[in-house]
N, C-alpha and C. Protein backbone atom coordinates (compact mmCIF):
# COMPACT_ATOMS: atom_id res chain seq x y z
N MET A 1 0.76 -1.25 -0.13
CA MET A 1 -0.05 0.25 0.22
C MET A 1 1.18 0.91 -0.02
N VAL A 2 0.27 1.93 -0.88
CA VAL A 2 1.76 3.47 -0.76
C VAL A 2 0.52 4.58 -0.50
N ARG A 3 1.15 5.14 0.46
CA ARG A 3 -0.02 6.20 1.14
C ARG A 3 0.78 7.64 0.43
N ILE A 4 -0.28 8.63 0.33
CA ILE A 4 0.22 10.10 -0.13
C ILE A 4 -0.18 10.67 0.85
N ASP A 5 1.14 11.65 1.31
CA ASP A 5 0.44 12.37 2.32
C ASP A 5 0.46 13.74 2.01
N ARG A 6 -0.40 14.54 2.38
CA ARG A 6 -0.82 16.11 2.22
C ARG A 6 -1.12 16.42 3.61
N PRO A 7 -0.44 17.61 4.06
CA PRO A 7 -0.44 18.58 5.16
C PRO A 7 -1.84 18.98 5.81
N ASP A 8 -2.64 19.20 4.89
CA ASP A 8 -3.73 19.74 5.26
C ASP A 8 -4.81 18.48 5.39
N LYS A 9 -4.76 17.11 4.98
CA LYS A 9 -5.69 16.26 4.96
C LYS A 9 -4.87 14.59 5.59
N PRO A 10 -5.71 14.10 6.08
CA PRO A 10 -5.21 12.91 6.50
C PRO A 10 -4.49 11.90 4.91
N CYS A 11 -4.06 10.79 5.56
CA CYS A 11 -3.44 10.15 4.58
C CYS A 11 -4.09 9.05 3.94
N ARG A 12 -3.82 9.22 2.84
CA ARG A 12 -4.85 8.59 1.83
C ARG A 12 -4.05 7.65 1.17
N ARG A 13 -4.76 6.39 0.57
CA ARG A 13 -3.54 5.45 -0.11
C ARG A 13 -3.97 5.38 -1.66
N GLU A 14 -3.26 5.28 -2.27
CA GLU A 14 -3.53 5.09 -4.15
C GLU A 14 -4.46 3.73 -3.89
N ARG A 15 -5.12 3.94 -5.30
CA ARG A 15 -5.89 2.78 -5.71
C ARG A 15 -4.87 1.59 -5.95
N GLN A 16 -5.54 -0.01 -5.61
CA GLN A 16 -5.08 -0.87 -6.13
C GLN A 16 -5.27 -1.14 -7.54
N ALA A 17 -4.33 -1.42 -8.22
CA ALA A 17 -4.85 -1.79 -9.46
C ALA A 17 -5.03 -3.44 -9.36
N GLY A 18 -6.03 -3.77 -10.26
CA GLY A 18 -6.82 -5.19 -10.47
C GLY A 18 -7.48 -5.66 -9.63
N SER A 19 -7.97 -4.50 -8.47
CA SER A 19 -8.87 -4.80 -7.69
C SER A 19 -9.77 -4.04 -7.33
N THR A 20 -11.12 -3.58 -7.57
CA THR A 20 -12.31 -2.92 -7.56
C THR A 20 -13.26 -3.36 -6.41
N ARG A 21 -13.43 -2.52 -5.51
CA ARG A 21 -14.55 -2.41 -4.84
C ARG A 21 -15.93 -1.88 -5.18
N ALA A 22 -16.82 -2.41 -5.64
CA ALA A 22 -18.05 -1.66 -5.89
C ALA A 22 -18.99 -1.99 -5.09
N ASN A 23 -18.73 -2.53 -3.97
CA ASN A 23 -19.72 -2.30 -2.77
C ASN A 23 -19.47 -1.41 -1.66
N ARG A 24 -20.83 -0.64 -1.47
CA ARG A 24 -20.54 0.56 -0.53
C ARG A 24 -21.64 0.29 0.58
N VAL A 25 -20.81 0.98 1.30
CA VAL A 25 -21.80 1.36 2.92
C VAL A 25 -21.80 2.64 3.29
N ASN A 26 -22.88 3.12 3.33
CA ASN A 26 -23.83 4.45 4.00
C ASN A 26 -24.19 4.50 5.02
N MET A 27 -22.98 5.19 6.21
CA MET A 27 -23.47 5.51 7.35
C MET A 27 -23.29 6.75 7.74
N SER A 28 -24.44 7.34 9.34
CA SER A 28 -24.70 8.65 9.06
C SER A 28 -24.33 8.60 10.67
N PHE A 29 -23.92 9.62 11.07
CA PHE A 29 -23.07 9.72 12.44
C PHE A 29 -24.12 11.57 12.95
N ASP A 30 -24.18 11.74 14.68
CA ASP A 30 -24.25 13.09 14.89
C ASP A 30 -22.92 13.47 15.21
N ASP A 31 -22.86 15.05 15.47
CA ASP A 31 -22.00 15.50 15.75
C ASP A 31 -21.06 14.91 16.64
N THR A 32 -21.23 14.52 17.86
CA THR A 32 -20.71 13.75 18.55
C THR A 32 -20.01 12.41 18.59
N GLU A 33 -20.68 11.69 17.75
CA GLU A 33 -20.36 10.26 17.04
C GLU A 33 -18.87 10.65 16.34
N MET A 34 -19.57 11.62 15.58
CA MET A 34 -18.53 12.11 14.23
C MET A 34 -17.31 12.08 15.24
N GLU A 35 -17.06 13.23 16.21
CA GLU A 35 -16.14 13.37 16.93
C GLU A 35 -15.05 12.34 17.59
N VAL A 36 -15.83 11.25 17.78
CA VAL A 36 -15.36 10.42 18.56
C VAL A 36 -14.45 9.46 17.13
N ILE A 37 -15.32 9.57 16.13
CA ILE A 37 -14.62 8.76 14.82
C ILE A 37 -13.27 9.54 14.43
N ARG A 38 -13.58 10.99 14.30
CA ARG A 38 -12.37 11.72 13.83
C ARG A 38 -11.20 11.49 14.92
N THR A 39 -11.42 11.46 16.19
CA THR A 39 -10.35 11.23 17.40
C THR A 39 -9.90 9.87 17.18
N ALA A 40 -10.50 8.89 16.98
CA ALA A 40 -10.17 7.53 16.92
C ALA A 40 -8.92 7.70 15.66
N ALA A 41 -9.77 7.86 14.79
CA ALA A 41 -8.84 7.86 13.47
C ALA A 41 -7.23 8.39 13.44
N ARG A 42 -7.80 9.73 14.20
CA ARG A 42 -6.16 10.70 14.07
C ARG A 42 -5.19 9.71 15.18
N ARG A 43 -5.65 8.84 16.26
CA ARG A 43 -4.86 8.29 17.24
C ARG A 43 -4.51 7.11 16.80
N ASP A 44 -5.00 6.63 15.44
CA ASP A 44 -4.75 5.38 14.87
C ASP A 44 -3.91 6.09 13.47
N GLY A 45 -3.01 7.11 13.29
CA GLY A 45 -2.25 7.42 12.76
C GLY A 45 -2.95 8.56 11.66
N GLN A 46 -3.44 9.51 11.72
CA GLN A 46 -4.33 10.07 10.57
C GLN A 46 -4.81 9.88 9.54
N MET A 47 -5.72 8.35 9.87
CA MET A 47 -6.31 7.75 8.57
C MET A 47 -7.55 8.53 8.44
N ALA A 48 -7.76 8.09 7.00
CA ALA A 48 -8.88 8.95 6.28
C ALA A 48 -10.28 8.52 6.90
N LEU A 49 -11.00 9.32 7.60
CA LEU A 49 -12.21 8.36 8.35
C LEU A 49 -12.81 7.07 7.79
N GLY A 50 -13.19 7.07 6.29
CA GLY A 50 -13.61 5.80 5.48
C GLY A 50 -12.69 4.52 5.80
N ALA A 51 -11.70 4.86 5.71
CA ALA A 51 -10.58 3.85 5.79
C ALA A 51 -10.59 3.29 7.05
N TRP A 52 -10.62 4.78 8.20
CA TRP A 52 -10.48 3.53 9.69
C TRP A 52 -11.89 3.30 10.18
N ALA A 53 -13.01 4.10 9.59
CA ALA A 53 -13.92 2.70 9.46
C ALA A 53 -13.97 1.57 9.07
N GLY A 54 -13.88 1.89 7.86
CA GLY A 54 -13.99 -0.16 7.34
C GLY A 54 -12.68 -0.51 8.00
N ARG A 55 -11.44 -0.83 8.37
CA ARG A 55 -10.63 -1.49 9.04
C ARG A 55 -11.63 -1.66 10.25
N GLN A 56 -11.97 -1.09 10.94
CA GLN A 56 -12.39 -1.34 12.28
C GLN A 56 -13.93 -2.45 12.16
N LEU A 57 -14.55 -2.09 11.01
CA LEU A 57 -15.67 -3.12 10.49
C LEU A 57 -15.21 -4.63 10.05
N MET A 58 -14.10 -4.80 9.15
CA MET A 58 -13.39 -5.78 9.07
C MET A 58 -13.04 -6.46 9.93
N ALA A 59 -12.47 -5.63 11.42
CA ALA A 59 -11.99 -6.45 12.24
C ALA A 59 -12.72 -7.19 13.04
N VAL A 60 -13.70 -6.41 12.99
CA VAL A 60 -15.19 -6.63 13.86
C VAL A 60 -15.48 -8.17 13.29
N ALA A 61 -16.10 -7.88 11.62
CA ALA A 61 -16.84 -8.96 11.04
C ALA A 61 -15.46 -10.08 11.34
N GLN A 62 -14.35 -10.69 11.22
CA GLN A 62 -13.20 -11.25 10.97
C GLN A 62 -13.13 -12.11 12.78
N GLU A 63 -13.71 -11.15 13.69
CA GLU A 63 -13.65 -11.57 14.97
C GLU A 63 -11.94 -11.34 15.29
N ALA A 64 -11.28 -10.21 14.81
CA ALA A 64 -10.24 -10.30 15.11
C ALA A 64 -10.08 -8.64 16.17
N LEU A 65 -11.42 -8.12 16.21
CA LEU A 65 -11.70 -6.99 17.25
C LEU A 65 -12.81 -7.73 17.55
N VAL A 66 -12.81 -7.37 19.28
CA VAL A 66 -14.86 -7.64 20.04
C VAL A 66 -14.66 -5.96 20.45
N PRO A 67 -16.21 -5.48 19.93
CA PRO A 67 -16.33 -4.59 20.60
C PRO A 67 -16.84 -4.83 21.85
N VAL A 68 -16.41 -3.98 23.07
CA VAL A 68 -17.26 -4.04 24.25
C VAL A 68 -17.23 -2.62 24.67
N SER A 69 -18.38 -2.44 25.72
CA SER A 69 -18.39 -1.62 26.09
C SER A 69 -17.66 -0.77 26.87
N ARG A 70 -17.93 0.98 27.07
CA ARG A 70 -16.97 1.52 28.20
C ARG A 70 -17.15 1.02 29.55
N ASP A 71 -17.99 0.48 29.94
CA ASP A 71 -18.15 -0.22 31.43
C ASP A 71 -16.86 -1.40 31.13
N ALA A 72 -17.03 -2.41 30.47
CA ALA A 72 -16.16 -3.58 30.36
C ALA A 72 -14.94 -3.13 30.00
N GLY A 73 -14.59 -2.05 28.89
CA GLY A 73 -13.38 -1.59 29.05
C GLY A 73 -12.25 -1.63 30.02
N ASP A 74 -13.23 -0.52 31.09
CA ASP A 74 -12.36 0.03 32.14
C ASP A 74 -12.37 -1.14 33.05
N VAL A 75 -13.36 -1.98 33.11
CA VAL A 75 -12.73 -3.54 34.24
C VAL A 75 -11.61 -3.80 33.56
N LEU A 76 -11.82 -4.09 32.72
CA LEU A 76 -10.60 -4.88 31.70
C LEU A 76 -9.49 -4.10 31.92
N ARG A 77 -9.08 -2.80 31.46
CA ARG A 77 -7.94 -2.00 32.00
C ARG A 77 -7.75 -2.89 33.55
N GLU A 78 -8.27 -2.27 34.70
CA GLU A 78 -7.96 -2.59 35.49
C GLU A 78 -7.32 -3.80 36.06
N LEU A 79 -8.17 -4.51 35.67
CA LEU A 79 -7.48 -6.66 35.76
C LEU A 79 -5.98 -6.27 35.15
N ILE A 80 -5.99 -5.49 33.86
CA ILE A 80 -4.80 -5.45 33.40
C ILE A 80 -3.79 -5.26 34.65
N ARG A 81 -4.15 -4.03 34.74
CA ARG A 81 -3.07 -3.11 35.81
C ARG A 81 -2.84 -3.73 36.75
N SER A 82 -3.67 -4.49 37.37
CA SER A 82 -3.29 -5.22 38.82
C SER A 82 -3.02 -6.36 38.46
N ARG A 83 -3.05 -6.77 37.13
CA ARG A 83 -2.10 -8.91 36.92
C ARG A 83 -0.69 -7.66 37.00
N LEU A 84 -0.47 -6.51 36.38
CA LEU A 84 1.28 -6.02 35.95
C LEU A 84 1.71 -6.05 37.58
N HIS A 85 0.79 -5.60 38.17
CA HIS A 85 1.36 -5.23 39.67
C HIS A 85 2.16 -6.59 40.63
N LEU A 86 1.09 -7.38 40.21
CA LEU A 86 1.06 -9.01 40.50
C LEU A 86 2.45 -9.71 40.40
N GLN A 87 2.73 -8.88 39.16
CA GLN A 87 4.16 -10.17 38.53
C GLN A 87 5.47 -9.16 39.09
């Protein structure tokens, strides 16, 4: 994958020759949800929003990423911290 860097926009990749993606998914978000998505995409390396969302969708679909609620995430982080202190 070749990335094109633009200072005013997130990194974008060039189109891949030989493979087309004709299937599209259309999503709508309110302002709060959109800011959460922008923040996550920036955190993951200034990725374009559609690319970031697509990567997350594929990870969940392939069971490589399991979404958890915020409360469950907090509990898991605390368990990991506790485990590290015990080692």
